PDB file of N, CA and C in Angstrom:
ATOM      1  N   MET A   1      -3.141-105.143  -2.825  1.00  0.00           N
ATOM      2  CA  MET A   1      -4.076-104.474  -3.722  1.00  0.00           C
ATOM      3  C   MET A   1      -4.279-103.031  -3.249  1.00  0.00           C
ATOM      4  N   LEU A   2      -4.275-102.132  -4.180  1.00  0.00           N
ATOM      5  CA  LEU A   2      -4.441-100.721  -3.847  1.00  0.00           C
ATOM      6  C   LEU A   2      -5.894-100.423  -3.522  1.00  0.00           C
ATOM      7  N   GLY A   3      -6.102 -99.545  -2.548  1.00  0.00           N
ATOM      8  CA  GLY A   3      -7.452 -99.141  -2.194  1.00  0.00           C
ATOM      9  C   GLY A   3      -8.069 -98.243  -3.245  1.00  0.00           C
ATOM     10  N   LYS A   4      -9.396 -98.201  -3.246  1.00  0.00           N
ATOM     11  CA  LYS A   4     -10.121 -97.394  -4.236  1.00  0.00           C
ATOM     12  C   LYS A   4      -9.801 -95.912  -4.082  1.00  0.00           C
ATOM     13  N   LYS A   5      -9.752 -95.419  -2.831  1.00  0.00           N
ATOM     14  CA  LYS A   5      -9.443 -94.006  -2.605  1.00  0.00           C
ATOM     15  C   LYS A   5      -8.035 -93.669  -3.075  1.00  0.00           C
ATOM     16  N   PHE A   6      -7.086 -94.548  -2.817  1.00  0.00           N
ATOM     17  CA  PHE A   6      -5.710 -94.317  -3.248  1.00  0.00           C
ATOM     18  C   PHE A   6      -5.637 -94.217  -4.765  1.00  0.00           C
ATOM     19  N   CYS A   7      -6.341 -95.104  -5.462  1.00  0.00           N
ATOM     20  CA  CYS A   7      -6.341 -95.075  -6.927  1.00  0.00           C
ATOM     21  C   CYS A   7      -6.952 -93.779  -7.445  1.00  0.00           C
ATOM     22  N   LEU A   8      -8.039 -93.321  -6.818  1.00  0.00           N
ATOM     23  CA  LEU A   8      -8.657 -92.070  -7.243  1.00  0.00           C
ATOM     24  C   LEU A   8      -7.726 -90.887  -7.024  1.00  0.00           C
ATOM     25  N   VAL A   9      -7.050 -90.869  -5.896  1.00  0.00           N
ATOM     26  CA  VAL A   9      -6.104 -89.783  -5.617  1.00  0.00           C
ATOM     27  C   VAL A   9      -4.959 -89.825  -6.618  1.00  0.00           C
ATOM     28  N   LEU A  10      -4.467 -91.004  -6.916  1.00  0.00           N
ATOM     29  CA  LEU A  10      -3.380 -91.143  -7.881  1.00  0.00           C
ATOM     30  C   LEU A  10      -3.813 -90.669  -9.268  1.00  0.00           C
ATOM     31  N   LEU A  11      -5.009 -91.054  -9.693  1.00  0.00           N
ATOM     32  CA  LEU A  11      -5.518 -90.595 -10.983  1.00  0.00           C
ATOM     33  C   LEU A  11      -5.667 -89.081 -11.010  1.00  0.00           C
ATOM     34  N   PHE A  12      -6.156 -88.504  -9.905  1.00  0.00           N
ATOM     35  CA  PHE A  12      -6.295 -87.051  -9.839  1.00  0.00           C
ATOM     36  C   PHE A  12      -4.941 -86.365  -9.947  1.00  0.00           C
ATOM     37  N   LEU A  13      -3.952 -86.870  -9.242  1.00  0.00           N
ATOM     38  CA  LEU A  13      -2.625 -86.256  -9.294  1.00  0.00           C
ATOM     39  C   LEU A  13      -2.029 -86.343 -10.690  1.00  0.00           C
ATOM     40  N   LEU A  14      -2.228 -87.454 -11.362  1.00  0.00           N
ATOM     41  CA  LEU A  14      -1.743 -87.577 -12.739  1.00  0.00           C
ATOM     42  C   LEU A  14      -2.452 -86.588 -13.649  1.00  0.00           C
ATOM     43  N   TRP A  15      -3.763 -86.445 -13.475  1.00  0.00           N
ATOM     44  CA  TRP A  15      -4.536 -85.506 -14.291  1.00  0.00           C
ATOM     45  C   TRP A  15      -4.136 -84.067 -13.975  1.00  0.00           C
ATOM     46  N   ALA A  16      -3.959 -83.759 -12.698  1.00  0.00           N
ATOM     47  CA  ALA A  16      -3.670 -82.380 -12.288  1.00  0.00           C
ATOM     48  C   ALA A  16      -2.323 -81.898 -12.808  1.00  0.00           C
ATOM     49  N   THR A  17      -1.398 -82.795 -12.992  1.00  0.00           N
ATOM     50  CA  THR A  17      -0.084 -82.378 -13.475  1.00  0.00           C
ATOM     51  C   THR A  17      -0.100 -82.073 -14.968  1.00  0.00           C
ATOM     52  N   THR A  18      -1.116 -82.543 -15.678  1.00  0.00           N
ATOM     53  CA  THR A  18      -1.181 -82.295 -17.120  1.00  0.00           C
ATOM     54  C   THR A  18      -2.301 -81.322 -17.492  1.00  0.00           C
ATOM     55  N   ALA A  19      -3.175 -80.995 -16.566  1.00  0.00           N
ATOM     56  CA  ALA A  19      -4.322 -80.133 -16.861  1.00  0.00           C
ATOM     57  C   ALA A  19      -3.912 -78.659 -16.835  1.00  0.00           C
ATOM     58  N   ALA A  20      -4.559 -77.882 -17.662  1.00  0.00           N
ATOM     59  CA  ALA A  20      -4.335 -76.438 -17.683  1.00  0.00           C
ATOM     60  C   ALA A  20      -5.301 -75.766 -16.703  1.00  0.00           C
ATOM     61  N   ALA A  21      -4.947 -74.590 -16.257  1.00  0.00           N
ATOM     62  CA  ALA A  21      -5.821 -73.827 -15.366  1.00  0.00           C
ATOM     63  C   ALA A  21      -7.067 -73.394 -16.129  1.00  0.00           C
ATOM     64  N   VAL A  22      -8.193 -73.408 -15.447  1.00  0.00           N
ATOM     65  CA  VAL A  22      -9.469 -73.054 -16.058  1.00  0.00           C
ATOM     66  C   VAL A  22     -10.137 -71.993 -15.192  1.00  0.00           C
ATOM     67  N   ASP A  23     -10.633 -70.934 -15.811  1.00  0.00           N
ATOM     68  CA  ASP A  23     -11.381 -69.912 -15.087  1.00  0.00           C
ATOM     69  C   ASP A  23     -12.845 -70.328 -14.992  1.00  0.00           C
ATOM     70  N   ILE A  24     -13.345 -70.442 -13.766  1.00  0.00           N
ATOM     71  CA  ILE A  24     -14.738 -70.798 -13.525  1.00  0.00           C
ATOM     72  C   ILE A  24     -15.377 -69.642 -12.759  1.00  0.00           C
ATOM     73  N   PRO A  25     -16.459 -69.061 -13.288  1.00  0.00           N
ATOM     74  CA  PRO A  25     -17.095 -67.942 -12.591  1.00  0.00           C
ATOM     75  C   PRO A  25     -17.708 -68.397 -11.263  1.00  0.00           C
ATOM     76  N   LEU A  26     -17.454 -67.645 -10.212  1.00  0.00           N
ATOM     77  CA  LEU A  26     -17.964 -67.983  -8.879  1.00  0.00           C
ATOM     78  C   LEU A  26     -18.934 -66.919  -8.383  1.00  0.00           C
ATOM     79  N   ASP A  27     -19.599 -66.238  -9.315  1.00  0.00           N
ATOM     80  CA  ASP A  27     -20.469 -65.119  -8.961  1.00  0.00           C
ATOM     81  C   ASP A  27     -21.536 -65.498  -7.939  1.00  0.00           C
ATOM     82  N   ARG A  28     -22.273 -66.562  -8.193  1.00  0.00           N
ATOM     83  CA  ARG A  28     -23.382 -66.929  -7.302  1.00  0.00           C
ATOM     84  C   ARG A  28     -23.087 -68.188  -6.499  1.00  0.00           C
ATOM     85  N   ALA A  29     -21.858 -68.637  -6.484  1.00  0.00           N
ATOM     86  CA  ALA A  29     -21.495 -69.865  -5.781  1.00  0.00           C
ATOM     87  C   ALA A  29     -21.258 -69.594  -4.293  1.00  0.00           C
ATOM     88  N   PRO A  30     -21.639 -70.548  -3.441  1.00  0.00           N
ATOM     89  CA  PRO A  30     -21.317 -70.397  -2.014  1.00  0.00           C
ATOM     90  C   PRO A  30     -19.818 -70.629  -1.820  1.00  0.00           C
ATOM     91  N   VAL A  31     -19.122 -69.623  -1.334  1.00  0.00           N
ATOM     92  CA  VAL A  31     -17.674 -69.726  -1.172  1.00  0.00           C
ATOM     93  C   VAL A  31     -17.276 -69.428   0.258  1.00  0.00           C
ATOM     94  N   ARG A  32     -16.110 -69.934   0.629  1.00  0.00           N
ATOM     95  CA  ARG A  32     -15.527 -69.652   1.932  1.00  0.00           C
ATOM     96  C   ARG A  32     -14.080 -69.259   1.720  1.00  0.00           C
ATOM     97  N   GLY A  33     -13.595 -68.334   2.503  1.00  0.00           N
ATOM     98  CA  GLY A  33     -12.203 -67.934   2.407  1.00  0.00           C
ATOM     99  C   GLY A  33     -12.032 -66.629   1.664  1.00  0.00           C
ATOM    100  N   PRO A  34     -10.786 -66.165   1.576  1.00  0.00           N
ATOM    101  CA  PRO A  34     -10.523 -64.879   0.937  1.00  0.00           C
ATOM    102  C   PRO A  34     -10.744 -64.943  -0.576  1.00  0.00           C
ATOM    103  N   ALA A  35     -11.208 -63.837  -1.131  1.00  0.00           N
ATOM    104  CA  ALA A  35     -11.476 -63.772  -2.567  1.00  0.00           C
ATOM    105  C   ALA A  35     -10.197 -63.825  -3.387  1.00  0.00           C
ATOM    106  N   ASP A  36      -9.070 -63.429  -2.804  1.00  0.00           N
ATOM    107  CA  ASP A  36      -7.811 -63.416  -3.547  1.00  0.00           C
ATOM    108  C   ASP A  36      -6.920 -64.618  -3.231  1.00  0.00           C
ATOM    109  N   ALA A  37      -7.510 -65.733  -2.832  1.00  0.00           N
ATOM    110  CA  ALA A  37      -6.746 -66.945  -2.532  1.00  0.00           C
ATOM    111  C   ALA A  37      -6.028 -67.436  -3.788  1.00  0.00           C
ATOM    112  N   PRO A  38      -4.799 -67.932  -3.664  1.00  0.00           N
ATOM    113  CA  PRO A  38      -4.051 -68.380  -4.842  1.00  0.00           C
ATOM    114  C   PRO A  38      -4.610 -69.657  -5.471  1.00  0.00           C
ATOM    115  N   VAL A  39      -5.380 -70.427  -4.706  1.00  0.00           N
ATOM    116  CA  VAL A  39      -5.938 -71.691  -5.202  1.00  0.00           C
ATOM    117  C   VAL A  39      -7.413 -71.752  -4.844  1.00  0.00           C
ATOM    118  N   THR A  40      -8.227 -72.217  -5.767  1.00  0.00           N
ATOM    119  CA  THR A  40      -9.652 -72.437  -5.509  1.00  0.00           C
ATOM    120  C   THR A  40      -9.952 -73.906  -5.758  1.00  0.00           C
ATOM    121  N   ILE A  41     -10.571 -74.558  -4.795  1.00  0.00           N
ATOM    122  CA  ILE A  41     -10.957 -75.960  -4.937  1.00  0.00           C
ATOM    123  C   ILE A  41     -12.452 -76.007  -5.179  1.00  0.00           C
ATOM    124  N   ILE A  42     -12.845 -76.666  -6.252  1.00  0.00           N
ATOM    125  CA  ILE A  42     -14.255 -76.784  -6.614  1.00  0.00           C
ATOM    126  C   ILE A  42     -14.631 -78.251  -6.578  1.00  0.00           C
ATOM    127  N   GLU A  43     -15.717 -78.549  -5.886  1.00  0.00           N
ATOM    128  CA  GLU A  43     -16.180 -79.936  -5.784  1.00  0.00           C
ATOM    129  C   GLU A  43     -17.469 -80.086  -6.586  1.00  0.00           C
ATOM    130  N   PHE A  44     -17.447 -80.997  -7.536  1.00  0.00           N
ATOM    131  CA  PHE A  44     -18.641 -81.321  -8.304  1.00  0.00           C
ATOM    132  C   PHE A  44     -19.237 -82.590  -7.735  1.00  0.00           C
ATOM    133  N   VAL A  45     -20.508 -82.543  -7.370  1.00  0.00           N
ATOM    134  CA  VAL A  45     -21.153 -83.678  -6.724  1.00  0.00           C
ATOM    135  C   VAL A  45     -22.386 -84.069  -7.515  1.00  0.00           C
ATOM    136  N   ASP A  46     -22.584 -85.349  -7.698  1.00  0.00           N
ATOM    137  CA  ASP A  46     -23.768 -85.874  -8.356  1.00  0.00           C
ATOM    138  C   ASP A  46     -24.525 -86.707  -7.331  1.00  0.00           C
ATOM    139  N   PHE A  47     -25.697 -86.256  -6.947  1.00  0.00           N
ATOM    140  CA  PHE A  47     -26.477 -86.921  -5.907  1.00  0.00           C
ATOM    141  C   PHE A  47     -27.410 -87.992  -6.448  1.00  0.00           C
ATOM    142  N   GLN A  48     -27.245 -88.381  -7.679  1.00  0.00           N
ATOM    143  CA  GLN A  48     -28.118 -89.406  -8.249  1.00  0.00           C
ATOM    144  C   GLN A  48     -27.634 -90.788  -7.922  1.00  0.00           C
TER     145      GLN A  48
END
């Protein structure tokens, strides 16, 4: 049986290969790293 994390990663990879790039404004967001990085990773968290 596949683990839950493995299934989530697999679903993400399937989605990422078909998803288009999206511009998300990072004006007031806490960021780390260079501003001209080729890739930006954004984590959405729900604490409820």
